[in-house]
Amino acid sequence: MGKNKDERIDKKQTNEKRPSKAKNKIIIIAIIAAIVATLAVVSNKLDSASTTRADNVPLIDAIECDIGESLVFHIHAHLDIFVNGNLIKVPAFIGINDNTCLYWLHTHLPDGIIHIESPQEKVFTLGQFFDIWKSTSTGMPPTDSAPIIYVNGQAVTTSLKDTPLHAHDEIALVYGNPPTKIPAFYQFPEGE
């Protein structure tokens, strides 16, 4: 009889030490909630940091110069400029202010690729890019006459100010005599 009593006491103590299944579920849910909350806070801080506007840098055509690149809206267009049939390079670092901020429209290399990286999806124009170019770089094409504008090999009647920049557009501006061939396509690097 003493042995049965001891076994019952041992079982009772073991059951008291073992948490209930309901208590385990609550602990697991609390841990998951804490992880999700932490990820949300970190993600929010990273998003805010990547699109924080640089101090003392003016807006250009309502386009900000942010501390980092924004990838909410991220497309590329290509620009060729011809003056009397000669190709003029589009400079690197248009829209990049002393490596402290990037305007939503900018170039990284002298390859003619316009990077459009904005925290909001909207239509940007060639005119906005030219205004950023004028404010942040040199080597602007002639401004004494309006160019003939070609988009994907077809002449358009829009002005620089009104020519939209769409993903993978090949834009050619012709000042004076045209080149022998107007580019209609640009092979973007993989992933752009």
C-alpha atoms as a PDB file:
ATOM      1  CA  MET A   1       0.000   0.000   0.000  1.00  0.00           C
ATOM      2  CA  GLY A   2       2.898   2.354   0.752  1.00  0.00           C
ATOM      3  CA  LYS A   3       4.295   1.729  -2.695  1.00  0.00           C
ATOM      4  CA  ASN A   4       1.062   2.781  -4.458  1.00  0.00           C
ATOM      5  CA  LYS A   5       0.958   5.980  -2.392  1.00  0.00           C
ATOM      6  CA  ASP A   6       4.555   6.787  -3.367  1.00  0.00           C
ATOM      7  CA  GLU A   7       3.782   6.139  -7.061  1.00  0.00           C
ATOM      8  CA  ARG A   8       0.762   8.463  -6.878  1.00  0.00           C
ATOM      9  CA  ILE A   9       2.864  11.209  -5.280  1.00  0.00           C
ATOM     10  CA  ASP A  10       5.571  10.800  -7.974  1.00  0.00           C
ATOM     11  CA  LYS A  11       2.961  10.977 -10.763  1.00  0.00           C
ATOM     12  CA  LYS A  12       1.375  14.050  -9.176  1.00  0.00           C
ATOM     13  CA  GLN A  13       4.765  15.818  -8.914  1.00  0.00           C
ATOM     14  CA  THR A  14       5.608  14.867 -12.529  1.00  0.00           C
ATOM     15  CA  ASN A  15       2.281  16.250 -13.758  1.00  0.00           C
ATOM     16  CA  GLU A  16       2.836  19.488 -11.794  1.00  0.00           C
ATOM     17  CA  LYS A  17       6.275  19.951 -13.416  1.00  0.00           C
ATOM     18  CA  ARG A  18       4.942  19.318 -16.953  1.00  0.00           C
ATOM     19  CA  PRO A  19       3.195  22.394 -18.456  1.00  0.00           C
ATOM     20  CA  SER A  20      -0.187  21.863 -19.991  1.00  0.00           C
ATOM     21  CA  LYS A  21      -0.617  21.722 -23.771  1.00  0.00           C
ATOM     22  CA  ALA A  22      -2.659  24.926 -23.683  1.00  0.00           C
ATOM     23  CA  LYS A  23       0.141  26.731 -21.851  1.00  0.00           C
ATOM     24  CA  ASN A  24       2.655  25.485 -24.457  1.00  0.00           C
ATOM     25  CA  LYS A  25       0.483  26.835 -27.293  1.00  0.00           C
ATOM     26  CA  ILE A  26       0.281  30.252 -25.626  1.00  0.00           C
ATOM     27  CA  ILE A  27       4.068  30.363 -25.239  1.00  0.00           C
ATOM     28  CA  ILE A  28       4.605  29.388 -28.889  1.00  0.00           C
ATOM     29  CA  ILE A  29       2.080  31.981 -30.106  1.00  0.00           C
ATOM     30  CA  ALA A  30       3.750  34.666 -27.965  1.00  0.00           C
ATOM     31  CA  ILE A  31       7.175  33.810 -29.402  1.00  0.00           C
ATOM     32  CA  ILE A  32       5.867  33.893 -32.973  1.00  0.00           C
ATOM     33  CA  ALA A  33       4.110  37.219 -32.327  1.00  0.00           C
ATOM     34  CA  ALA A  34       7.332  38.692 -30.917  1.00  0.00           C
ATOM     35  CA  ILE A  35       9.308  37.539 -33.967  1.00  0.00           C
ATOM     36  CA  VAL A  36       6.724  38.974 -36.382  1.00  0.00           C
ATOM     37  CA  ALA A  37       6.627  42.290 -34.493  1.00  0.00           C
ATOM     38  CA  THR A  38      10.427  42.514 -34.515  1.00  0.00           C
ATOM     39  CA  LEU A  39      10.576  41.813 -38.259  1.00  0.00           C
ATOM     40  CA  ALA A  40       7.915  44.444 -38.910  1.00  0.00           C
ATOM     41  CA  VAL A  41       9.811  47.100 -36.941  1.00  0.00           C
ATOM     42  CA  VAL A  42      13.149  46.276 -38.604  1.00  0.00           C
ATOM     43  CA  SER A  43      11.553  46.216 -42.067  1.00  0.00           C
ATOM     44  CA  ASN A  44       9.867  49.569 -41.456  1.00  0.00           C
ATOM     45  CA  LYS A  45      13.143  51.129 -40.310  1.00  0.00           C
ATOM     46  CA  LEU A  46      14.974  49.787 -43.374  1.00  0.00           C
ATOM     47  CA  ASP A  47      12.260  51.105 -45.706  1.00  0.00           C
ATOM     48  CA  SER A  48      12.361  54.499 -44.022  1.00  0.00           C
ATOM     49  CA  ALA A  49      16.136  54.648 -44.180  1.00  0.00           C
ATOM     50  CA  SER A  50      16.265  53.798 -47.876  1.00  0.00           C
ATOM     51  CA  THR A  51      13.846  56.552 -48.847  1.00  0.00           C
ATOM     52  CA  THR A  52      14.778  59.262 -46.392  1.00  0.00           C
ATOM     53  CA  ARG A  53      15.264  62.560 -48.175  1.00  0.00           C
ATOM     54  CA  ALA A  54      18.700  64.099 -47.950  1.00  0.00           C
ATOM     55  CA  ASP A  55      18.951  67.322 -45.968  1.00  0.00           C
ATOM     56  CA  ASN A  56      19.498  70.621 -47.780  1.00  0.00           C
ATOM     57  CA  VAL A  57      19.132  69.111 -51.252  1.00  0.00           C
ATOM     58  CA  PRO A  58      16.495  70.841 -53.353  1.00  0.00           C
ATOM     59  CA  LEU A  59      13.621  69.115 -55.098  1.00  0.00           C
ATOM     60  CA  ILE A  60      13.865  69.209 -58.881  1.00  0.00           C
ATOM     61  CA  ASP A  61      10.505  69.053 -60.666  1.00  0.00           C
ATOM     62  CA  ALA A  62       9.025  67.603 -57.442  1.00  0.00           C
ATOM     63  CA  ILE A  63      11.615  64.796 -57.515  1.00  0.00           C
ATOM     64  CA  GLU A  64      13.491  64.156 -54.295  1.00  0.00           C
ATOM     65  CA  CYS A  65      17.091  63.243 -53.748  1.00  0.00           C
ATOM     66  CA  ASP A  66      16.953  60.309 -51.335  1.00  0.00           C
ATOM     67  CA  ILE A  67      19.751  58.883 -49.223  1.00  0.00           C
ATOM     68  CA  GLY A  68      19.309  55.447 -50.810  1.00  0.00           C
ATOM     69  CA  GLU A  69      17.723  53.871 -53.836  1.00  0.00           C
ATOM     70  CA  SER A  70      14.024  53.127 -53.711  1.00  0.00           C
ATOM     71  CA  LEU A  71      12.847  49.992 -55.423  1.00  0.00           C
ATOM     72  CA  VAL A  72       9.079  50.421 -55.159  1.00  0.00           C
ATOM     73  CA  PHE A  73       9.067  51.602 -58.787  1.00  0.00           C
ATOM     74  CA  HIS A  74      12.238  50.538 -60.594  1.00  0.00           C
ATOM     75  CA  ILE A  75      12.561  50.694 -64.379  1.00  0.00           C
ATOM     76  CA  HIS A  76      15.185  51.699 -66.941  1.00  0.00           C
ATOM     77  CA  ALA A  77      15.132  53.558 -70.236  1.00  0.00           C
ATOM     78  CA  HIS A  78      18.019  54.170 -72.644  1.00  0.00           C
ATOM     79  CA  LEU A  79      18.963  57.532 -74.146  1.00  0.00           C
ATOM     80  CA  ASP A  80      21.090  58.189 -77.245  1.00  0.00           C
ATOM     81  CA  ILE A  81      21.893  61.776 -78.230  1.00  0.00           C
ATOM     82  CA  PHE A  82      23.109  62.678 -81.700  1.00  0.00           C
ATOM     83  CA  VAL A  83      24.472  66.104 -82.672  1.00  0.00           C
ATOM     84  CA  ASN A  84      24.979  66.433 -86.442  1.00  0.00           C
ATOM     85  CA  GLY A  85      25.106  62.652 -86.755  1.00  0.00           C
ATOM     86  CA  ASN A  86      27.670  62.158 -83.943  1.00  0.00           C
ATOM     87  CA  LEU A  87      26.797  60.218 -80.818  1.00  0.00           C
ATOM     88  CA  ILE A  88      27.241  62.237 -77.625  1.00  0.00           C
ATOM     89  CA  LYS A  89      27.716  60.222 -74.422  1.00  0.00           C
ATOM     90  CA  VAL A  90      25.266  60.692 -71.594  1.00  0.00           C
ATOM     91  CA  PRO A  91      27.497  61.244 -68.540  1.00  0.00           C
ATOM     92  CA  ALA A  92      27.673  59.032 -65.460  1.00  0.00           C
ATOM     93  CA  PHE A  93      26.356  60.271 -62.118  1.00  0.00           C
ATOM     94  CA  ILE A  94      23.602  62.526 -63.428  1.00  0.00           C
ATOM     95  CA  GLY A  95      21.233  62.942 -60.473  1.00  0.00           C
ATOM     96  CA  ILE A  96      23.739  61.643 -57.940  1.00  0.00           C
ATOM     97  CA  ASN A  97      24.697  64.376 -55.518  1.00  0.00           C
ATOM     98  CA  ASP A  98      28.242  63.874 -54.146  1.00  0.00           C
ATOM     99  CA  ASN A  99      27.417  60.231 -53.388  1.00  0.00           C
ATOM    100  CA  THR A 100      25.157  61.464 -50.577  1.00  0.00           C
ATOM    101  CA  CYS A 101      21.858  61.067 -52.379  1.00  0.00           C
ATOM    102  CA  LEU A 102      20.230  59.939 -55.604  1.00  0.00           C
ATOM    103  CA  TYR A 103      17.422  61.660 -57.429  1.00  0.00           C
ATOM    104  CA  TRP A 104      14.710  59.260 -58.545  1.00  0.00           C
ATOM    105  CA  LEU A 105      16.014  59.722 -62.115  1.00  0.00           C
ATOM    106  CA  HIS A 106      19.761  59.199 -62.421  1.00  0.00           C
ATOM    107  CA  THR A 107      22.626  57.525 -64.282  1.00  0.00           C
ATOM    108  CA  HIS A 108      25.401  55.383 -62.838  1.00  0.00           C
ATOM    109  CA  LEU A 109      27.590  54.878 -65.924  1.00  0.00           C
ATOM    110  CA  PRO A 110      28.154  56.776 -69.181  1.00  0.00           C
ATOM    111  CA  ASP A 111      26.105  54.124 -71.021  1.00  0.00           C
ATOM    112  CA  GLY A 112      22.894  56.115 -71.575  1.00  0.00           C
ATOM    113  CA  ILE A 113      20.814  54.032 -69.171  1.00  0.00           C
ATOM    114  CA  ILE A 114      18.439  56.206 -67.172  1.00  0.00           C
ATOM    115  CA  HIS A 115      17.604  54.589 -63.839  1.00  0.00           C
ATOM    116  CA  ILE A 116      14.112  55.417 -62.616  1.00  0.00           C
ATOM    117  CA  GLU A 117      13.926  54.363 -58.974  1.00  0.00           C
ATOM    118  CA  SER A 118      11.073  55.939 -57.080  1.00  0.00           C
ATOM    119  CA  PRO A 119       9.146  55.292 -53.873  1.00  0.00           C
ATOM    120  CA  GLN A 120       5.961  55.718 -55.887  1.00  0.00           C
ATOM    121  CA  GLU A 121       4.812  54.454 -59.248  1.00  0.00           C
ATOM    122  CA  LYS A 122       4.195  57.304 -61.681  1.00  0.00           C
ATOM    123  CA  VAL A 123       5.113  58.453 -65.162  1.00  0.00           C
ATOM    124  CA  PHE A 124       8.336  60.447 -65.326  1.00  0.00           C
ATOM    125  CA  THR A 125       9.409  62.452 -68.366  1.00  0.00           C
ATOM    126  CA  LEU A 126      12.537  63.151 -70.341  1.00  0.00           C
ATOM    127  CA  GLY A 127      12.117  66.817 -69.382  1.00  0.00           C
ATOM    128  CA  GLN A 128      12.398  65.936 -65.690  1.00  0.00           C
ATOM    129  CA  PHE A 129      15.571  63.959 -66.429  1.00  0.00           C
ATOM    130  CA  PHE A 130      17.023  66.938 -68.333  1.00  0.00           C
ATOM    131  CA  ASP A 131      16.201  69.305 -65.453  1.00  0.00           C
ATOM    132  CA  ILE A 132      18.027  66.959 -63.055  1.00  0.00           C
ATOM    133  CA  TRP A 133      20.925  66.725 -65.533  1.00  0.00           C
ATOM    134  CA  LYS A 134      21.147  70.521 -65.771  1.00  0.00           C
ATOM    135  CA  SER A 135      21.244  70.831 -61.961  1.00  0.00           C
ATOM    136  CA  THR A 136      23.629  67.987 -61.147  1.00  0.00           C
ATOM    137  CA  SER A 137      26.044  67.444 -64.052  1.00  0.00           C
ATOM    138  CA  THR A 138      27.668  68.883 -67.154  1.00  0.00           C
ATOM    139  CA  GLY A 139      27.764  67.958 -70.836  1.00  0.00           C
ATOM    140  CA  MET A 140      24.192  68.933 -71.675  1.00  0.00           C
ATOM    141  CA  PRO A 141      23.260  68.722 -75.365  1.00  0.00           C
ATOM    142  CA  PRO A 142      22.589  71.998 -77.177  1.00  0.00           C
ATOM    143  CA  THR A 143      19.561  73.836 -75.866  1.00  0.00           C
ATOM    144  CA  ASP A 144      19.263  76.444 -78.623  1.00  0.00           C
ATOM    145  CA  SER A 145      17.002  74.187 -80.695  1.00  0.00           C
ATOM    146  CA  ALA A 146      14.511  71.412 -80.040  1.00  0.00           C
ATOM    147  CA  PRO A 147      15.645  67.947 -81.077  1.00  0.00           C
ATOM    148  CA  ILE A 148      13.709  65.453 -83.133  1.00  0.00           C
ATOM    149  CA  ILE A 149      12.681  62.767 -80.635  1.00  0.00           C
ATOM    150  CA  TYR A 150      12.499  59.077 -81.505  1.00  0.00           C
ATOM    151  CA  VAL A 151      11.058  56.458 -79.162  1.00  0.00           C
ATOM    152  CA  ASN A 152      11.823  52.871 -80.110  1.00  0.00           C
ATOM    153  CA  GLY A 153      12.800  54.027 -83.615  1.00  0.00           C
ATOM    154  CA  GLN A 154       9.627  56.029 -84.278  1.00  0.00           C
ATOM    155  CA  ALA A 155       9.550  59.832 -84.413  1.00  0.00           C
ATOM    156  CA  VAL A 156       7.181  61.336 -81.841  1.00  0.00           C
ATOM    157  CA  THR A 157       5.620  64.771 -81.671  1.00  0.00           C
ATOM    158  CA  THR A 158       5.996  65.297 -77.931  1.00  0.00           C
ATOM    159  CA  SER A 159       8.448  67.808 -76.516  1.00  0.00           C
ATOM    160  CA  LEU A 160      11.273  66.874 -74.148  1.00  0.00           C
ATOM    161  CA  LYS A 161       9.079  68.088 -71.299  1.00  0.00           C
ATOM    162  CA  ASP A 162       6.240  65.744 -72.259  1.00  0.00           C
ATOM    163  CA  THR A 163       8.051  62.619 -73.500  1.00  0.00           C
ATOM    164  CA  PRO A 164       7.336  59.835 -70.990  1.00  0.00           C
ATOM    165  CA  LEU A 165       9.996  57.391 -69.828  1.00  0.00           C
ATOM    166  CA  HIS A 166       8.736  53.808 -69.938  1.00  0.00           C
ATOM    167  CA  ALA A 167      10.489  50.559 -69.110  1.00  0.00           C
ATOM    168  CA  HIS A 168      13.059  49.598 -71.751  1.00  0.00           C
ATOM    169  CA  ASP A 169      12.304  52.500 -74.078  1.00  0.00           C
ATOM    170  CA  GLU A 170      15.083  53.349 -76.520  1.00  0.00           C
ATOM    171  CA  ILE A 171      14.984  57.124 -76.868  1.00  0.00           C
ATOM    172  CA  ALA A 172      17.068  58.942 -79.461  1.00  0.00           C
ATOM    173  CA  LEU A 173      17.392  62.717 -79.617  1.00  0.00           C
ATOM    174  CA  VAL A 174      18.626  64.155 -82.902  1.00  0.00           C
ATOM    175  CA  TYR A 175      20.019  67.690 -83.051  1.00  0.00           C
ATOM    176  CA  GLY A 176      20.911  68.893 -86.565  1.00  0.00           C
ATOM    177  CA  ASN A 177      21.777  66.277 -89.186  1.00  0.00           C
ATOM    178  CA  PRO A 178      20.549  62.776 -88.290  1.00  0.00           C
ATOM    179  CA  PRO A 179      22.798  59.719 -87.992  1.00  0.00           C
ATOM    180  CA  THR A 180      22.687  57.135 -90.765  1.00  0.00           C
ATOM    181  CA  LYS A 181      20.559  54.861 -88.576  1.00  0.00           C
ATOM    182  CA  ILE A 182      18.173  55.760 -85.734  1.00  0.00           C
ATOM    183  CA  PRO A 183      18.405  53.211 -82.888  1.00  0.00           C
ATOM    184  CA  ALA A 184      15.141  51.381 -82.295  1.00  0.00           C
ATOM    185  CA  PHE A 185      16.240  48.931 -79.600  1.00  0.00           C
ATOM    186  CA  TYR A 186      18.732  48.733 -76.766  1.00  0.00           C
ATOM    187  CA  GLN A 187      19.909  45.452 -75.252  1.00  0.00           C
ATOM    188  CA  PHE A 188      19.741  46.113 -71.524  1.00  0.00           C
ATOM    189  CA  PRO A 189      22.023  44.074 -69.278  1.00  0.00           C
ATOM    190  CA  GLU A 190      20.315  41.051 -67.750  1.00  0.00           C
ATOM    191  CA  GLY A 191      18.167  42.052 -64.785  1.00  0.00           C
ATOM    192  CA  GLU A 192      17.619  45.664 -65.847  1.00  0.00           C
END
